Protein backbone atom coordinates (compact mmCIF):
# COMPACT_ATOMS: atom_id res chain seq x y z
CA MET A 1 -5.85 14.78 -7.32
CA ARG A 2 -5.06 11.56 -9.70
CA CYS A 3 -2.38 9.29 -7.14
CA TYR A 4 -2.90 6.75 -4.15
CA VAL A 5 -1.12 4.86 -2.51
CA LEU A 6 -2.89 2.58 -0.47
CA MET A 7 -0.60 1.76 2.53
CA GLY A 8 -0.55 -0.98 5.27
CA VAL A 9 1.43 -4.43 6.20
CA SER A 10 0.86 -7.52 4.66
CA GLY A 11 -2.60 -8.66 4.94
CA CYS A 12 -4.12 -4.99 5.36
CA GLY A 13 -6.46 -5.97 2.09
CA LYS A 14 -4.57 -3.28 -0.39
CA SER A 15 -5.54 -5.06 -3.48
CA SER A 16 -8.92 -5.81 -2.22
CA VAL A 17 -9.29 -2.70 -1.52
CA GLY A 18 -7.41 -1.05 -4.71
CA THR A 19 -9.58 -3.63 -7.21
CA ALA A 20 -12.80 -1.99 -5.22
CA LEU A 21 -11.87 1.48 -5.91
CA GLN A 22 -10.57 0.64 -9.61
CA VAL A 23 -14.19 -0.30 -10.45
CA LEU A 24 -15.91 2.33 -8.57
CA CYS A 25 -13.96 6.07 -9.30
CA ASP A 26 -13.15 4.40 -12.79
CA MET A 27 -9.40 4.57 -11.86
CA ALA A 28 -6.57 2.26 -12.64
CA PHE A 29 -5.13 -0.36 -9.84
CA VAL A 30 -1.75 -1.70 -9.80
CA ASP A 31 -0.64 -4.03 -7.17
CA GLY A 32 2.66 -2.77 -6.17
CA ASP A 33 3.40 -6.80 -5.28
CA ASP A 34 4.08 -7.03 -9.13
CA LEU A 35 6.53 -4.56 -9.27
CA HIS A 36 9.05 -6.22 -6.94
CA PRO A 37 11.89 -7.44 -8.37
CA GLN A 38 12.16 -11.59 -8.34
CA ASP A 39 15.12 -10.80 -5.68
CA ASN A 40 13.03 -9.10 -3.55
CA ILE A 41 10.19 -11.66 -3.48
CA ASP A 42 12.58 -14.52 -3.05
CA LYS A 43 13.97 -12.77 -0.39
CA MET A 44 10.72 -12.24 1.50
CA ALA A 45 9.49 -15.97 0.37
CA GLN A 46 12.52 -17.16 2.43
CA GLY A 47 11.39 -15.52 5.76
CA VAL A 48 13.62 -12.72 5.23
CA PRO A 49 12.68 -8.40 5.53
CA LEU A 50 13.90 -6.82 2.82
CA ASP A 51 16.31 -3.92 4.06
CA ASP A 52 16.33 -0.66 2.63
CA ASP A 53 18.52 -1.59 -0.18
CA ASP A 54 16.13 -3.79 -1.29
CA ARG A 55 13.41 -1.33 -0.97
CA ALA A 56 14.98 1.66 -3.01
CA PRO A 57 14.29 0.67 -6.12
CA TRP A 58 10.95 -0.64 -6.14
CA LEU A 59 10.02 2.10 -3.87
CA ALA A 60 10.84 4.79 -7.42
CA ASP A 61 9.19 2.06 -9.52
CA VAL A 62 6.39 2.84 -7.56
CA GLY A 63 6.44 6.67 -8.12
CA ARG A 64 7.29 6.41 -11.65
CA MET A 65 3.98 3.79 -11.90
CA LEU A 66 2.18 7.03 -10.45
CA ALA A 67 3.48 9.48 -12.38
CA ARG A 68 3.02 7.89 -15.78
CA HIS A 69 0.08 7.09 -15.67
CA GLU A 70 -2.71 9.77 -17.45
CA GLY A 71 -5.73 9.62 -15.09
CA ALA A 72 -6.31 8.30 -11.34
CA ILE A 73 -4.78 5.50 -10.31
CA ALA A 74 -4.02 3.98 -6.89
CA VAL A 75 -1.03 1.21 -6.24
CA GLY A 76 -0.72 -1.10 -3.30
CA CYS A 77 2.60 -0.96 -1.69
CA SER A 78 3.34 -0.72 1.81
CA ALA A 79 5.11 2.36 2.29
CA LEU A 80 5.97 1.58 5.86
CA LYS A 81 8.07 4.24 6.39
CA LYS A 82 8.02 8.12 5.95
CA SER A 83 11.30 7.66 4.03
CA TYR A 84 9.78 5.26 2.10
CA ARG A 85 6.52 7.37 1.20
CA ASP A 86 9.21 10.44 0.02
CA TRP A 87 11.30 8.00 -2.28
CA ILE A 88 7.78 7.43 -4.37
CA ARG A 89 6.77 11.29 -3.88
CA GLN A 90 10.27 12.32 -5.35
CA GLN A 91 9.03 10.11 -8.56
CA VAL A 92 5.60 12.31 -9.10
CA ASP A 93 5.22 15.94 -9.86
CA GLU A 94 1.72 16.10 -7.87
CA PRO A 95 0.60 15.30 -4.66
CA VAL A 96 0.26 11.66 -3.48
CA HIS A 97 -2.01 10.92 -1.03
CA PHE A 98 -1.33 7.68 1.26
CA LEU A 99 -4.82 5.52 2.34
CA HIS A 100 -3.34 3.64 5.51
CA LEU A 101 -5.14 0.68 5.66
CA ASP A 102 -4.75 -0.28 9.33
CA ALA A 103 -5.92 -2.44 12.01
CA PRO A 104 -4.42 -4.62 15.27
CA ARG A 105 -1.49 -7.01 14.37
CA ASP A 106 -3.96 -9.57 15.49
CA VAL A 107 -6.23 -8.96 13.21
CA LEU A 108 -3.75 -8.70 10.40
CA ALA A 109 -2.04 -12.15 11.54
CA ARG A 110 -5.49 -14.06 11.22
CA ARG A 111 -5.65 -12.60 7.34
CA VAL A 112 -2.16 -13.50 6.41
CA ALA A 113 -2.23 -16.79 8.00
CA HIS A 114 -5.00 -17.68 5.67
CA ARG A 115 -4.05 -16.02 2.45
CA PRO A 116 -2.44 -19.00 0.18
CA GLY A 117 -0.34 -19.21 -1.95
CA HIS A 118 0.95 -15.45 -1.23
CA PHE A 119 4.49 -15.05 -1.33
CA MET A 120 5.03 -12.72 2.17
CA PRO A 121 5.04 -15.14 5.34
CA ALA A 122 3.17 -14.32 8.52
CA SER A 123 6.65 -14.34 10.05
CA LEU A 124 7.03 -11.27 8.73
CA LEU A 125 4.60 -9.55 10.33
CA ASP A 126 6.25 -8.21 13.07
CA SER A 127 8.82 -7.38 11.30
CA GLN A 128 6.37 -4.69 9.19
CA PHE A 129 4.78 -3.96 12.53
CA ALA A 130 7.97 -2.60 13.83
CA THR A 131 8.64 -1.05 10.46
CA LEU A 132 5.90 0.91 10.80
CA GLU A 133 5.43 4.81 10.61
CA ARG A 134 2.25 6.68 11.03
CA LEU A 135 1.55 9.41 8.68
CA HIS A 136 2.91 12.41 9.77
CA GLU A 137 0.85 15.99 10.22
CA ASP A 138 2.79 16.79 6.81
CA GLU A 139 1.37 13.75 4.50
CA TRP A 140 -1.86 13.70 2.47
CA GLY A 141 -3.53 10.99 3.60
CA GLY A 142 -5.78 9.01 5.78
CA GLU A 143 -5.86 6.07 7.94
CA ILE A 144 -8.91 3.35 7.48
CA ASP A 145 -9.78 1.25 10.13
CA ILE A 146 -10.10 -2.30 8.08
CA ALA A 147 -10.68 -4.41 11.10
CA ARG A 148 -14.48 -2.80 9.79
CA PRO A 149 -16.86 -4.93 7.62
CA PHE A 150 -14.98 -4.89 3.94
CA ASP A 151 -17.70 -2.52 2.60
CA GLN A 152 -17.69 -0.17 5.00
CA VAL A 153 -13.90 0.16 4.38
CA VAL A 154 -14.64 0.09 0.74
CA ALA A 155 -17.11 2.63 1.11
CA GLN A 156 -14.75 5.56 3.83
CA SER A 157 -11.74 4.87 0.93
CA GLU A 158 -14.00 5.61 -1.43
CA ASP A 159 -15.29 8.53 0.12
CA TYR A 160 -11.50 9.55 0.04
CA VAL A 161 -11.02 9.11 -3.26
CA ARG A 162 -13.84 10.95 -4.56
CA GLY A 163 -13.37 13.60 -1.92
CA THR A 164 -9.78 14.39 -3.00
CA MET A 165 -9.97 14.01 -6.81
CA ILE A 166 -9.64 17.31 -9.37
């Protein structure tokens, strides 16, 4: 296996964990925020949640990024609904593993509030939790409790990736 998506609501640590895995597992990491069209960024910056029409091209780009990369790769992408994860998987000819970086809302609200300069305001956190669908039994992946110390989060993520790499 070589395709991984670090998923979860804003502030869960997708970029931080992805950067750590890039080094520890000798894999590429792409921050899915960098794949958003400017219209999406502008909308979120104004405190307006994205709808499925906004997300569809972005999710397809995430899937294409996974599909065209040679070697192991992780992409940080909220992938909140199963249908969003399905859009990503449709672009890739091999299994995609989703690591759900998860914590209670209050933990994530504190993180988002202390994240200067990011286009995603804390006001959209509730809409993300309302949209979130946990991984289904037919999906490849696992859940990582990010309320624990960061080194433990990274270690569990690394163990998952190393245990699934071929």
